[in-house]
């Protein structure tokens, strides 16, 4: 995967894990842009998920990482955008497959269900796995509604 600047977004339940993600990216010298939230104060995941999706759509960032409590709300929000393919991963094997088979451009992680060590393994897979193409390309092209 060619990494430009990683876009980040979380809600309050994903904030702590997002802080770890920043440390992980800093250690690997990978630039990032944080679209919020910026504290553990209760907020709506959709506000930050849409901001991340717009950042990818307008070319500011690629790829993205989104985090909320279960990961589901963030994934649902991101996937409302036609050009976003957000995949929820809670183990490295899923992160590998969402890149290899689905060409996911956003990794979503469940902040309440994984620890920092697992998050690092998941990000290692996501950020180093290329899209396989081939038979998967037609499937990817069939995803958008319009």
C-alpha atoms as a PDB file:
ATOM      1  CA  UNK A   1       0.000   0.000   0.000  1.00  0.00           C
ATOM      2  CA  UNK A   2       1.249   3.450  -0.854  1.00  0.00           C
ATOM      3  CA  UNK A   3       0.847   5.639   2.217  1.00  0.00           C
ATOM      4  CA  UNK A   4       0.427   9.395   1.837  1.00  0.00           C
ATOM      5  CA  UNK A   5      -0.621  10.770   5.217  1.00  0.00           C
ATOM      6  CA  UNK A   6      -2.796   8.553   7.400  1.00  0.00           C
ATOM      7  CA  UNK A   7      -6.105  10.135   8.347  1.00  0.00           C
ATOM      8  CA  UNK A   8      -7.332   9.455  11.879  1.00  0.00           C
ATOM      9  CA  UNK A   9     -10.776   9.737  13.447  1.00  0.00           C
ATOM     10  CA  UNK A  10     -12.358   8.520  16.657  1.00  0.00           C
ATOM     11  CA  UNK A  11     -15.133   9.182  19.071  1.00  0.00           C
ATOM     12  CA  UNK A  12     -14.713   9.377  22.843  1.00  0.00           C
ATOM     13  CA  UNK A  13     -14.669   5.560  23.192  1.00  0.00           C
ATOM     14  CA  UNK A  14     -11.857   5.295  20.658  1.00  0.00           C
ATOM     15  CA  UNK A  15      -9.833   8.274  21.862  1.00  0.00           C
ATOM     16  CA  UNK A  16      -7.340   6.346  24.032  1.00  0.00           C
ATOM     17  CA  UNK A  17      -6.603   3.838  21.279  1.00  0.00           C
ATOM     18  CA  UNK A  18      -6.226   6.679  18.776  1.00  0.00           C
ATOM     19  CA  UNK A  19      -3.553   8.194  21.035  1.00  0.00           C
ATOM     20  CA  UNK A  20      -1.695   4.880  20.836  1.00  0.00           C
ATOM     21  CA  UNK A  21      -2.136   4.846  17.047  1.00  0.00           C
ATOM     22  CA  UNK A  22      -0.389   8.221  16.913  1.00  0.00           C
ATOM     23  CA  UNK A  23       2.548   6.817  18.913  1.00  0.00           C
ATOM     24  CA  UNK A  24       2.688   3.801  16.599  1.00  0.00           C
ATOM     25  CA  UNK A  25       2.727   6.014  13.492  1.00  0.00           C
ATOM     26  CA  UNK A  26       5.312   8.371  15.001  1.00  0.00           C
ATOM     27  CA  UNK A  27       7.610   5.415  15.760  1.00  0.00           C
ATOM     28  CA  UNK A  28       7.349   4.323  12.107  1.00  0.00           C
ATOM     29  CA  UNK A  29       7.820   7.901  10.826  1.00  0.00           C
ATOM     30  CA  UNK A  30       4.427   7.799   9.117  1.00  0.00           C
ATOM     31  CA  UNK A  31       2.706  11.206   8.940  1.00  0.00           C
ATOM     32  CA  UNK A  32      -0.922  11.544  10.018  1.00  0.00           C
ATOM     33  CA  UNK A  33      -3.731  14.067  10.247  1.00  0.00           C
ATOM     34  CA  UNK A  34      -6.145  13.840  13.170  1.00  0.00           C
ATOM     35  CA  UNK A  35      -9.752  14.726  12.310  1.00  0.00           C
ATOM     36  CA  UNK A  36     -10.878  14.415  15.949  1.00  0.00           C
ATOM     37  CA  UNK A  37     -12.203  13.900  18.507  1.00  0.00           C
ATOM     38  CA  UNK A  38      -9.623  15.433  20.771  1.00  0.00           C
ATOM     39  CA  UNK A  39     -10.774  14.231  24.207  1.00  0.00           C
ATOM     40  CA  UNK A  40     -12.793  11.569  25.996  1.00  0.00           C
ATOM     41  CA  UNK A  41     -15.787  13.907  26.248  1.00  0.00           C
ATOM     42  CA  UNK A  42     -18.913  12.253  24.850  1.00  0.00           C
ATOM     43  CA  UNK A  43     -19.407  12.996  21.152  1.00  0.00           C
ATOM     44  CA  UNK A  44     -20.906  11.625  17.938  1.00  0.00           C
ATOM     45  CA  UNK A  45     -18.663   9.279  15.931  1.00  0.00           C
ATOM     46  CA  UNK A  46     -20.383  10.327  12.709  1.00  0.00           C
ATOM     47  CA  UNK A  47     -19.020  13.881  12.893  1.00  0.00           C
ATOM     48  CA  UNK A  48     -15.439  12.634  12.851  1.00  0.00           C
ATOM     49  CA  UNK A  49     -16.032   9.720  10.490  1.00  0.00           C
ATOM     50  CA  UNK A  50     -17.453  12.067   7.857  1.00  0.00           C
ATOM     51  CA  UNK A  51     -14.491  14.422   8.300  1.00  0.00           C
ATOM     52  CA  UNK A  52     -12.064  11.537   7.727  1.00  0.00           C
ATOM     53  CA  UNK A  53     -13.999  10.340   4.673  1.00  0.00           C
ATOM     54  CA  UNK A  54     -13.933  13.843   3.161  1.00  0.00           C
ATOM     55  CA  UNK A  55     -10.171  13.989   3.790  1.00  0.00           C
ATOM     56  CA  UNK A  56      -9.698  10.802   1.781  1.00  0.00           C
ATOM     57  CA  UNK A  57     -12.098  11.920  -0.935  1.00  0.00           C
ATOM     58  CA  UNK A  58     -10.323  15.237  -1.468  1.00  0.00           C
ATOM     59  CA  UNK A  59      -6.846  13.666  -1.442  1.00  0.00           C
ATOM     60  CA  UNK A  60      -5.599  15.137   1.854  1.00  0.00           C
ATOM     61  CA  UNK A  61      -4.957  11.707   3.365  1.00  0.00           C
ATOM     62  CA  UNK A  62      -4.643   8.046   2.386  1.00  0.00           C
ATOM     63  CA  UNK A  63      -5.348   5.630   3.983  1.00  0.00           C
ATOM     64  CA  UNK A  64      -7.488   6.213   7.066  1.00  0.00           C
ATOM     65  CA  UNK A  65      -7.905   4.678  10.505  1.00  0.00           C
ATOM     66  CA  UNK A  66     -11.179   5.100  12.376  1.00  0.00           C
ATOM     67  CA  UNK A  67     -11.950   3.995  15.910  1.00  0.00           C
ATOM     68  CA  UNK A  68     -15.060   3.927  18.067  1.00  0.00           C
ATOM     69  CA  UNK A  69     -16.225   1.665  20.874  1.00  0.00           C
ATOM     70  CA  UNK A  70     -17.352  -1.304  18.772  1.00  0.00           C
ATOM     71  CA  UNK A  71     -16.035  -0.022  15.457  1.00  0.00           C
ATOM     72  CA  UNK A  72     -19.456  -0.536  13.911  1.00  0.00           C
ATOM     73  CA  UNK A  73     -20.742   3.043  14.059  1.00  0.00           C
ATOM     74  CA  UNK A  74     -17.538   4.424  12.577  1.00  0.00           C
ATOM     75  CA  UNK A  75     -17.569   1.803   9.800  1.00  0.00           C
ATOM     76  CA  UNK A  76     -21.225   2.488   8.984  1.00  0.00           C
ATOM     77  CA  UNK A  77     -20.577   6.228   8.803  1.00  0.00           C
ATOM     78  CA  UNK A  78     -17.486   5.921   6.636  1.00  0.00           C
ATOM     79  CA  UNK A  79     -19.142   3.490   4.253  1.00  0.00           C
ATOM     80  CA  UNK A  80     -21.925   5.976   3.475  1.00  0.00           C
ATOM     81  CA  UNK A  81     -19.350   7.697   1.272  1.00  0.00           C
ATOM     82  CA  UNK A  82     -19.231   6.126  -2.203  1.00  0.00           C
ATOM     83  CA  UNK A  83     -15.439   6.127  -2.502  1.00  0.00           C
ATOM     84  CA  UNK A  84     -14.759   4.757   0.967  1.00  0.00           C
ATOM     85  CA  UNK A  85     -14.235   1.077   1.675  1.00  0.00           C
ATOM     86  CA  UNK A  86     -13.923   0.881   5.452  1.00  0.00           C
ATOM     87  CA  UNK A  87     -13.302  -2.523   6.984  1.00  0.00           C
ATOM     88  CA  UNK A  88     -13.658  -3.430  10.649  1.00  0.00           C
ATOM     89  CA  UNK A  89     -10.775  -5.555  11.935  1.00  0.00           C
ATOM     90  CA  UNK A  90     -10.202  -6.948  15.407  1.00  0.00           C
ATOM     91  CA  UNK A  91      -7.496  -9.468  14.472  1.00  0.00           C
ATOM     92  CA  UNK A  92      -4.581  -9.148  12.014  1.00  0.00           C
ATOM     93  CA  UNK A  93      -5.957 -11.759   9.606  1.00  0.00           C
ATOM     94  CA  UNK A  94      -9.043  -9.653   8.946  1.00  0.00           C
ATOM     95  CA  UNK A  95      -6.911  -6.540   8.413  1.00  0.00           C
ATOM     96  CA  UNK A  96      -4.903  -8.524   5.855  1.00  0.00           C
ATOM     97  CA  UNK A  97      -8.007  -9.680   3.981  1.00  0.00           C
ATOM     98  CA  UNK A  98      -9.750  -6.299   3.906  1.00  0.00           C
ATOM     99  CA  UNK A  99      -6.683  -4.956   2.104  1.00  0.00           C
ATOM    100  CA  UNK A 100      -5.899  -7.989  -0.055  1.00  0.00           C
ATOM    101  CA  UNK A 101      -9.446  -8.783  -1.223  1.00  0.00           C
ATOM    102  CA  UNK A 102     -11.470  -5.607  -0.577  1.00  0.00           C
ATOM    103  CA  UNK A 103      -8.902  -2.851  -1.197  1.00  0.00           C
ATOM    104  CA  UNK A 104     -10.063  -1.181   2.024  1.00  0.00           C
ATOM    105  CA  UNK A 105      -8.912   2.412   2.245  1.00  0.00           C
ATOM    106  CA  UNK A 106      -9.910   2.789   5.893  1.00  0.00           C
ATOM    107  CA  UNK A 107      -9.103   0.458   8.763  1.00  0.00           C
ATOM    108  CA  UNK A 108     -11.688   0.559  11.547  1.00  0.00           C
ATOM    109  CA  UNK A 109     -10.830  -0.824  14.971  1.00  0.00           C
ATOM    110  CA  UNK A 110     -13.044  -1.451  18.038  1.00  0.00           C
ATOM    111  CA  UNK A 111     -11.504   0.657  20.793  1.00  0.00           C
ATOM    112  CA  UNK A 112     -13.305  -1.119  23.620  1.00  0.00           C
ATOM    113  CA  UNK A 113     -12.365  -4.629  22.499  1.00  0.00           C
ATOM    114  CA  UNK A 114      -8.674  -4.656  21.563  1.00  0.00           C
ATOM    115  CA  UNK A 115      -5.517  -3.645  23.410  1.00  0.00           C
ATOM    116  CA  UNK A 116      -2.536  -1.686  22.088  1.00  0.00           C
ATOM    117  CA  UNK A 117      -0.557  -4.815  21.254  1.00  0.00           C
ATOM    118  CA  UNK A 118      -3.357  -6.202  19.101  1.00  0.00           C
ATOM    119  CA  UNK A 119      -3.913  -2.794  17.476  1.00  0.00           C
ATOM    120  CA  UNK A 120      -0.233  -2.695  16.465  1.00  0.00           C
ATOM    121  CA  UNK A 121      -0.467  -6.138  14.868  1.00  0.00           C
ATOM    122  CA  UNK A 122      -3.639  -5.134  13.031  1.00  0.00           C
ATOM    123  CA  UNK A 123      -2.043  -1.931  11.730  1.00  0.00           C
ATOM    124  CA  UNK A 124       1.096  -3.826  10.679  1.00  0.00           C
ATOM    125  CA  UNK A 125      -1.057  -6.034   8.444  1.00  0.00           C
ATOM    126  CA  UNK A 126      -3.255  -3.261   7.114  1.00  0.00           C
ATOM    127  CA  UNK A 127      -0.413  -0.902   6.233  1.00  0.00           C
ATOM    128  CA  UNK A 128       1.801  -3.524   4.567  1.00  0.00           C
ATOM    129  CA  UNK A 129      -0.720  -5.565   2.589  1.00  0.00           C
ATOM    130  CA  UNK A 130      -1.357  -4.747  -1.053  1.00  0.00           C
ATOM    131  CA  UNK A 131      -4.609  -5.211  -2.958  1.00  0.00           C
ATOM    132  CA  UNK A 132      -4.444  -8.451  -4.921  1.00  0.00           C
ATOM    133  CA  UNK A 133      -6.589  -7.211  -7.813  1.00  0.00           C
ATOM    134  CA  UNK A 134      -7.565  -9.899 -10.308  1.00  0.00           C
ATOM    135  CA  UNK A 135     -10.947 -11.448  -9.592  1.00  0.00           C
ATOM    136  CA  UNK A 136     -11.427  -9.013  -6.681  1.00  0.00           C
ATOM    137  CA  UNK A 137     -11.360  -5.929  -8.924  1.00  0.00           C
ATOM    138  CA  UNK A 138     -14.766  -6.632 -10.480  1.00  0.00           C
ATOM    139  CA  UNK A 139     -16.215  -7.095  -7.005  1.00  0.00           C
ATOM    140  CA  UNK A 140     -14.785  -3.778  -5.832  1.00  0.00           C
ATOM    141  CA  UNK A 141     -16.204  -2.010  -8.900  1.00  0.00           C
ATOM    142  CA  UNK A 142     -19.661  -3.433  -8.101  1.00  0.00           C
ATOM    143  CA  UNK A 143     -19.815  -1.859  -4.615  1.00  0.00           C
ATOM    144  CA  UNK A 144     -20.876   1.768  -5.382  1.00  0.00           C
ATOM    145  CA  UNK A 145     -24.613   2.365  -5.662  1.00  0.00           C
ATOM    146  CA  UNK A 146     -24.452   5.227  -8.135  1.00  0.00           C
END
